[in-house]
C-alpha atoms as a PDB file:
ATOM      1  CA  MET A   1       0.000   0.000   0.000  1.00  0.00           C
ATOM      2  CA  ASP A   2       2.804   2.374   0.958  1.00  0.00           C
ATOM      3  CA  ALA A   3       4.705   1.472  -2.203  1.00  0.00           C
ATOM      4  CA  THR A   4       1.648   2.229  -4.328  1.00  0.00           C
ATOM      5  CA  ALA A   5       1.125   5.592  -2.618  1.00  0.00           C
ATOM      6  CA  SER A   6       4.786   6.443  -3.086  1.00  0.00           C
ATOM      7  CA  GLN A   7       4.599   5.543  -6.774  1.00  0.00           C
ATOM      8  CA  LEU A   8       1.485   7.689  -7.255  1.00  0.00           C
ATOM      9  CA  THR A   9       3.219  10.624  -5.530  1.00  0.00           C
ATOM     10  CA  GLN A  10       6.268  10.279  -7.759  1.00  0.00           C
ATOM     11  CA  THR A  11       4.054  10.079 -10.848  1.00  0.00           C
ATOM     12  CA  HIS A  12       2.172  13.212  -9.774  1.00  0.00           C
ATOM     13  CA  GLU A  13       5.440  15.082  -9.183  1.00  0.00           C
ATOM     14  CA  HIS A  14       6.716  13.875 -12.558  1.00  0.00           C
ATOM     15  CA  ASP A  15       3.553  15.142 -14.283  1.00  0.00           C
ATOM     16  CA  GLU A  16       3.799  18.515 -12.522  1.00  0.00           C
ATOM     17  CA  GLN A  17       7.397  18.838 -13.655  1.00  0.00           C
ATOM     18  CA  PHE A  18       6.330  18.659 -17.291  1.00  0.00           C
ATOM     19  CA  GLN A  19       3.068  20.590 -16.947  1.00  0.00           C
ATOM     20  CA  THR A  20       4.506  23.630 -15.216  1.00  0.00           C
ATOM     21  CA  PRO A  21       6.205  26.112 -17.577  1.00  0.00           C
ATOM     22  CA  PRO A  22       9.792  26.951 -16.612  1.00  0.00           C
ATOM     23  CA  GLY A  23      10.348  30.158 -14.682  1.00  0.00           C
ATOM     24  CA  ASP A  24       7.840  32.379 -12.940  1.00  0.00           C
ATOM     25  CA  LEU A  25       4.267  32.610 -14.189  1.00  0.00           C
ATOM     26  CA  ALA A  26       4.538  36.422 -14.300  1.00  0.00           C
ATOM     27  CA  ILE A  27       7.215  36.295 -16.992  1.00  0.00           C
ATOM     28  CA  TRP A  28       4.910  34.255 -19.206  1.00  0.00           C
ATOM     29  CA  PHE A  29       2.150  36.870 -18.959  1.00  0.00           C
ATOM     30  CA  PHE A  30       4.749  39.507 -19.858  1.00  0.00           C
ATOM     31  CA  ILE A  31       5.999  37.422 -22.789  1.00  0.00           C
ATOM     32  CA  LEU A  32       2.460  36.889 -24.082  1.00  0.00           C
ATOM     33  CA  ALA A  33       1.812  40.645 -23.885  1.00  0.00           C
ATOM     34  CA  GLU A  34       5.021  41.324 -25.821  1.00  0.00           C
ATOM     35  CA  LEU A  35       4.147  38.732 -28.453  1.00  0.00           C
ATOM     36  CA  LEU A  36       0.719  40.310 -28.836  1.00  0.00           C
ATOM     37  CA  ALA A  37       2.319  43.727 -29.402  1.00  0.00           C
ATOM     38  CA  PHE A  38       4.614  42.299 -32.065  1.00  0.00           C
ATOM     39  CA  ALA A  39       1.707  40.416 -33.659  1.00  0.00           C
ATOM     40  CA  VAL A  40      -0.196  43.700 -34.047  1.00  0.00           C
ATOM     41  CA  PHE A  41       2.911  45.311 -35.528  1.00  0.00           C
ATOM     42  CA  PHE A  42       3.429  42.429 -37.967  1.00  0.00           C
ATOM     43  CA  SER A  43      -0.234  42.505 -38.994  1.00  0.00           C
ATOM     44  CA  ALA A  44      -0.024  46.239 -39.706  1.00  0.00           C
ATOM     45  CA  TYR A  45       3.097  45.634 -41.806  1.00  0.00           C
ATOM     46  CA  ALA A  46       1.401  42.838 -43.777  1.00  0.00           C
ATOM     47  CA  PHE A  47      -1.666  45.015 -44.383  1.00  0.00           C
ATOM     48  CA  ALA A  48       0.450  47.955 -45.583  1.00  0.00           C
ATOM     49  CA  ARG A  49       2.495  45.678 -47.816  1.00  0.00           C
ATOM     50  CA  ALA A  50      -0.620  44.167 -49.381  1.00  0.00           C
ATOM     51  CA  ASN A  51      -1.763  47.675 -50.331  1.00  0.00           C
ATOM     52  CA  ASP A  52       1.531  48.609 -52.025  1.00  0.00           C
ATOM     53  CA  VAL A  53       3.367  45.445 -52.999  1.00  0.00           C
ATOM     54  CA  ALA A  54       5.435  47.152 -55.721  1.00  0.00           C
ATOM     55  CA  LEU A  55       6.887  49.731 -53.329  1.00  0.00           C
ATOM     56  CA  PHE A  56       7.730  47.134 -50.675  1.00  0.00           C
ATOM     57  CA  ASN A  57       9.355  44.808 -53.229  1.00  0.00           C
ATOM     58  CA  GLU A  58      11.447  47.649 -54.611  1.00  0.00           C
ATOM     59  CA  MET A  59      12.569  48.907 -51.193  1.00  0.00           C
ATOM     60  CA  GLN A  60      13.388  45.408 -49.957  1.00  0.00           C
ATOM     61  CA  GLN A  61      16.071  45.233 -52.652  1.00  0.00           C
ATOM     62  CA  GLU A  62      17.969  47.846 -50.634  1.00  0.00           C
ATOM     63  CA  VAL A  63      17.896  45.803 -47.418  1.00  0.00           C
ATOM     64  CA  ASP A  64      21.028  43.765 -46.763  1.00  0.00           C
ATOM     65  CA  ARG A  65      19.744  40.198 -46.414  1.00  0.00           C
ATOM     66  CA  ASN A  66      23.237  38.888 -45.694  1.00  0.00           C
ATOM     67  CA  LEU A  67      23.485  41.019 -42.567  1.00  0.00           C
ATOM     68  CA  GLY A  68      19.970  39.986 -41.602  1.00  0.00           C
ATOM     69  CA  ALA A  69      20.944  36.339 -42.010  1.00  0.00           C
ATOM     70  CA  LEU A  70      24.103  36.898 -39.949  1.00  0.00           C
ATOM     71  CA  ASN A  71      22.004  38.396 -37.177  1.00  0.00           C
ATOM     72  CA  THR A  72      19.703  35.394 -37.348  1.00  0.00           C
ATOM     73  CA  VAL A  73      22.709  33.139 -36.748  1.00  0.00           C
ATOM     74  CA  PHE A  74      23.799  35.336 -33.835  1.00  0.00           C
ATOM     75  CA  LEU A  75      20.416  35.136 -32.106  1.00  0.00           C
ATOM     76  CA  ILE A  76      19.868  31.423 -32.686  1.00  0.00           C
ATOM     77  CA  THR A  77      23.367  30.707 -31.364  1.00  0.00           C
ATOM     78  CA  ALA A  78      22.715  32.941 -28.356  1.00  0.00           C
ATOM     79  CA  SER A  79      19.505  31.050 -27.598  1.00  0.00           C
ATOM     80  CA  TRP A  80      21.370  27.751 -27.845  1.00  0.00           C
ATOM     81  CA  CYS A  81      23.981  29.035 -25.391  1.00  0.00           C
ATOM     82  CA  VAL A  82      21.274  30.171 -22.976  1.00  0.00           C
ATOM     83  CA  ALA A  83      19.525  26.799 -23.232  1.00  0.00           C
ATOM     84  CA  ARG A  84      22.824  25.064 -22.438  1.00  0.00           C
ATOM     85  CA  ALA A  85      23.253  27.339 -19.418  1.00  0.00           C
ATOM     86  CA  VAL A  86      19.834  26.359 -18.080  1.00  0.00           C
ATOM     87  CA  HIS A  87      20.659  22.697 -18.649  1.00  0.00           C
ATOM     88  CA  ALA A  88      23.969  23.090 -16.825  1.00  0.00           C
ATOM     89  CA  VAL A  89      22.197  24.438 -13.747  1.00  0.00           C
ATOM     90  CA  THR A  90      18.959  22.441 -13.669  1.00  0.00           C
ATOM     91  CA  ARG A  91      20.398  19.065 -14.717  1.00  0.00           C
ATOM     92  CA  LEU A  92      24.058  19.224 -13.708  1.00  0.00           C
ATOM     93  CA  GLY A  93      24.067  21.770 -10.894  1.00  0.00           C
ATOM     94  CA  GLN A  94      27.073  23.475 -12.490  1.00  0.00           C
ATOM     95  CA  ASN A  95      26.908  27.246 -12.118  1.00  0.00           C
ATOM     96  CA  ARG A  96      30.424  27.742 -13.452  1.00  0.00           C
ATOM     97  CA  ILE A  97      29.658  25.954 -16.718  1.00  0.00           C
ATOM     98  CA  ALA A  98      26.362  27.867 -16.948  1.00  0.00           C
ATOM     99  CA  SER A  99      28.198  31.185 -16.577  1.00  0.00           C
ATOM    100  CA  HIS A 100      30.433  30.281 -19.532  1.00  0.00           C
ATOM    101  CA  TRP A 101      27.416  29.475 -21.690  1.00  0.00           C
ATOM    102  CA  LEU A 102      25.707  32.713 -20.666  1.00  0.00           C
ATOM    103  CA  LEU A 103      28.844  34.642 -21.573  1.00  0.00           C
ATOM    104  CA  GLY A 104      28.678  33.041 -25.021  1.00  0.00           C
ATOM    105  CA  GLY A 105      25.061  34.157 -25.322  1.00  0.00           C
ATOM    106  CA  ILE A 106      26.025  37.688 -24.292  1.00  0.00           C
ATOM    107  CA  PHE A 107      28.758  37.850 -26.933  1.00  0.00           C
ATOM    108  CA  CYS A 108      26.335  36.643 -29.627  1.00  0.00           C
ATOM    109  CA  GLY A 109      23.767  39.217 -28.536  1.00  0.00           C
ATOM    110  CA  ALA A 110      26.435  41.907 -28.687  1.00  0.00           C
ATOM    111  CA  GLY A 111      27.291  40.743 -32.211  1.00  0.00           C
ATOM    112  CA  PHE A 112      23.648  41.230 -33.193  1.00  0.00           C
ATOM    113  CA  LEU A 113      23.629  44.777 -31.811  1.00  0.00           C
ATOM    114  CA  VAL A 114      26.860  45.715 -33.614  1.00  0.00           C
ATOM    115  CA  VAL A 115      25.579  44.416 -36.962  1.00  0.00           C
ATOM    116  CA  LYS A 116      22.245  46.179 -36.477  1.00  0.00           C
ATOM    117  CA  MET A 117      23.932  49.477 -35.655  1.00  0.00           C
ATOM    118  CA  PHE A 118      26.047  49.088 -38.802  1.00  0.00           C
ATOM    119  CA  GLU A 119      22.810  48.641 -40.784  1.00  0.00           C
ATOM    120  CA  TYR A 120      21.218  51.692 -39.188  1.00  0.00           C
ATOM    121  CA  SER A 121      24.335  53.774 -39.841  1.00  0.00           C
ATOM    122  CA  ALA A 122      24.277  52.832 -43.531  1.00  0.00           C
ATOM    123  CA  LYS A 123      20.580  53.633 -43.882  1.00  0.00           C
ATOM    124  CA  PHE A 124      20.749  56.960 -42.034  1.00  0.00           C
ATOM    125  CA  GLY A 125      23.886  57.846 -44.027  1.00  0.00           C
ATOM    126  CA  ALA A 126      21.872  57.307 -47.213  1.00  0.00           C
ATOM    127  CA  GLY A 127      19.289  59.800 -46.000  1.00  0.00           C
ATOM    128  CA  ILE A 128      16.671  57.178 -45.119  1.00  0.00           C
ATOM    129  CA  SER A 129      14.329  58.016 -42.232  1.00  0.00           C
ATOM    130  CA  LEU A 130      10.889  57.146 -40.893  1.00  0.00           C
ATOM    131  CA  SER A 131       9.346  59.683 -43.270  1.00  0.00           C
ATOM    132  CA  THR A 132      11.043  58.378 -46.443  1.00  0.00           C
ATOM    133  CA  ASN A 133       8.159  56.039 -47.317  1.00  0.00           C
ATOM    134  CA  THR A 134       5.881  53.410 -45.783  1.00  0.00           C
ATOM    135  CA  PHE A 135       8.353  50.558 -46.102  1.00  0.00           C
ATOM    136  CA  TRP A 136      11.178  52.376 -44.356  1.00  0.00           C
ATOM    137  CA  MET A 137       8.812  53.590 -41.677  1.00  0.00           C
ATOM    138  CA  PHE A 138       7.914  49.982 -40.871  1.00  0.00           C
ATOM    139  CA  TYR A 139      11.463  48.699 -41.308  1.00  0.00           C
ATOM    140  CA  LEU A 140      12.984  51.217 -38.924  1.00  0.00           C
ATOM    141  CA  SER A 141      10.226  51.099 -36.335  1.00  0.00           C
ATOM    142  CA  LEU A 142       9.871  47.295 -36.334  1.00  0.00           C
ATOM    143  CA  THR A 143      13.577  46.542 -36.199  1.00  0.00           C
ATOM    144  CA  PHE A 144      14.243  49.261 -33.618  1.00  0.00           C
ATOM    145  CA  PHE A 145      11.410  47.980 -31.421  1.00  0.00           C
ATOM    146  CA  HIS A 146      13.054  44.558 -31.561  1.00  0.00           C
ATOM    147  CA  PHE A 147      16.510  46.147 -31.100  1.00  0.00           C
ATOM    148  CA  MET A 148      15.375  47.584 -27.768  1.00  0.00           C
ATOM    149  CA  HIS A 149      14.117  44.171 -26.693  1.00  0.00           C
ATOM    150  CA  VAL A 150      17.523  42.687 -27.497  1.00  0.00           C
ATOM    151  CA  ILE A 151      19.151  45.337 -25.299  1.00  0.00           C
ATOM    152  CA  LEU A 152      16.783  44.449 -22.439  1.00  0.00           C
ATOM    153  CA  GLY A 153      17.518  40.783 -23.030  1.00  0.00           C
ATOM    154  CA  MET A 154      21.246  41.525 -22.866  1.00  0.00           C
ATOM    155  CA  VAL A 155      20.794  43.293 -19.528  1.00  0.00           C
ATOM    156  CA  ILE A 156      18.918  40.253 -18.227  1.00  0.00           C
ATOM    157  CA  LEU A 157      21.629  37.878 -19.478  1.00  0.00           C
ATOM    158  CA  CYS A 158      24.296  39.985 -17.766  1.00  0.00           C
ATOM    159  CA  VAL A 159      22.395  39.821 -14.467  1.00  0.00           C
ATOM    160  CA  LEU A 160      22.008  36.048 -14.870  1.00  0.00           C
ATOM    161  CA  TRP A 161      25.729  35.744 -15.625  1.00  0.00           C
ATOM    162  CA  VAL A 162      26.649  37.598 -12.435  1.00  0.00           C
ATOM    163  CA  GLN A 163      24.267  35.442 -10.396  1.00  0.00           C
ATOM    164  CA  THR A 164      25.557  32.177 -11.831  1.00  0.00           C
ATOM    165  CA  ARG A 165      29.142  33.212 -11.092  1.00  0.00           C
ATOM    166  CA  LYS A 166      28.058  33.695  -7.487  1.00  0.00           C
ATOM    167  CA  GLY A 167      26.439  30.260  -7.448  1.00  0.00           C
ATOM    168  CA  GLY A 168      23.002  31.794  -7.096  1.00  0.00           C
ATOM    169  CA  TYR A 169      21.073  29.041  -8.874  1.00  0.00           C
ATOM    170  CA  GLY A 170      20.626  25.321  -8.478  1.00  0.00           C
ATOM    171  CA  PRO A 171      18.468  22.416  -9.711  1.00  0.00           C
ATOM    172  CA  LYS A 172      15.746  23.362  -7.199  1.00  0.00           C
ATOM    173  CA  ASN A 173      16.283  27.116  -7.366  1.00  0.00           C
ATOM    174  CA  ALA A 174      16.442  28.135 -11.023  1.00  0.00           C
ATOM    175  CA  ASN A 175      13.276  30.202 -11.484  1.00  0.00           C
ATOM    176  CA  GLY A 176      15.189  33.406 -12.113  1.00  0.00           C
ATOM    177  CA  LEU A 177      17.460  31.763 -14.648  1.00  0.00           C
ATOM    178  CA  GLU A 178      14.582  30.031 -16.432  1.00  0.00           C
ATOM    179  CA  SER A 179      12.542  33.233 -16.508  1.00  0.00           C
ATOM    180  CA  GLY A 180      15.398  35.204 -18.064  1.00  0.00           C
ATOM    181  CA  ALA A 181      16.024  32.407 -20.560  1.00  0.00           C
ATOM    182  CA  ALA A 182      12.339  32.354 -21.541  1.00  0.00           C
ATOM    183  CA  TYR A 183      12.451  36.100 -22.248  1.00  0.00           C
ATOM    184  CA  TRP A 184      15.562  35.727 -24.392  1.00  0.00           C
ATOM    185  CA  HIS A 185      13.976  32.897 -26.389  1.00  0.00           C
ATOM    186  CA  MET A 186      10.983  35.175 -27.007  1.00  0.00           C
ATOM    187  CA  VAL A 187      13.309  37.829 -28.437  1.00  0.00           C
ATOM    188  CA  ASP A 188      14.843  35.181 -30.700  1.00  0.00           C
ATOM    189  CA  LEU A 189      11.420  33.904 -31.794  1.00  0.00           C
ATOM    190  CA  VAL A 190      10.272  37.382 -32.777  1.00  0.00           C
ATOM    191  CA  TRP A 191      13.363  37.873 -34.944  1.00  0.00           C
ATOM    192  CA  ILE A 192      12.793  34.506 -36.649  1.00  0.00           C
ATOM    193  CA  VAL A 193       9.425  35.895 -37.784  1.00  0.00           C
ATOM    194  CA  LEU A 194      10.668  39.423 -38.452  1.00  0.00           C
ATOM    195  CA  PHE A 195      13.643  38.434 -40.622  1.00  0.00           C
ATOM    196  CA  PRO A 196      11.742  36.608 -43.409  1.00  0.00           C
ATOM    197  CA  LEU A 197       8.825  39.042 -43.177  1.00  0.00           C
ATOM    198  CA  VAL A 198      10.901  42.189 -43.695  1.00  0.00           C
ATOM    199  CA  TYR A 199      14.100  40.996 -45.346  1.00  0.00           C
ATOM    200  CA  VAL A 200      13.123  38.014 -47.487  1.00  0.00           C
ATOM    201  CA  MET A 201       9.437  37.932 -48.428  1.00  0.00           C
ATOM    202  CA  ARG A 202       8.703  39.225 -51.923  1.00  0.00           C
END
């Protein structure tokens, strides 16, 4: 009887482990709100593009898809590093290894920001601004909105890096790390939608 009860308890705990999203519930409400904001932005872009396909196709020829693709690699690699950091803490209990992975994610995020600033510098140097036309208004506002989210994500990763170096997380105390990782993955997900939508789609 005791063995059966123990098995049922373990099964229940196992189910809860997979049913509960990682991190704090509050971060998931915040992430959903952010995704909703981006979804509205993307819908407005798609609507504007449908009303002037020729203009958008012409202007997209001036967007550097190679730099956009490079930034995609940076963000995907950063997300992989962050995922490895979470694994190092929650499965291995290794804060030192996690801090190395987070540092890799930070460097990749910094690479994204540098490339994006290079893009902005080229566009502003060519006299392009929000008022140039509808495409550039959306391009600059959408990518800058995401740019600011990357900066916030970088701040979060830096805080997580400091905490992991101090040994602040463990297999049973990783909510902060998982919450920060979830936010960073959201930033990556948004770019994965934004890149083909703005840079590639014709």
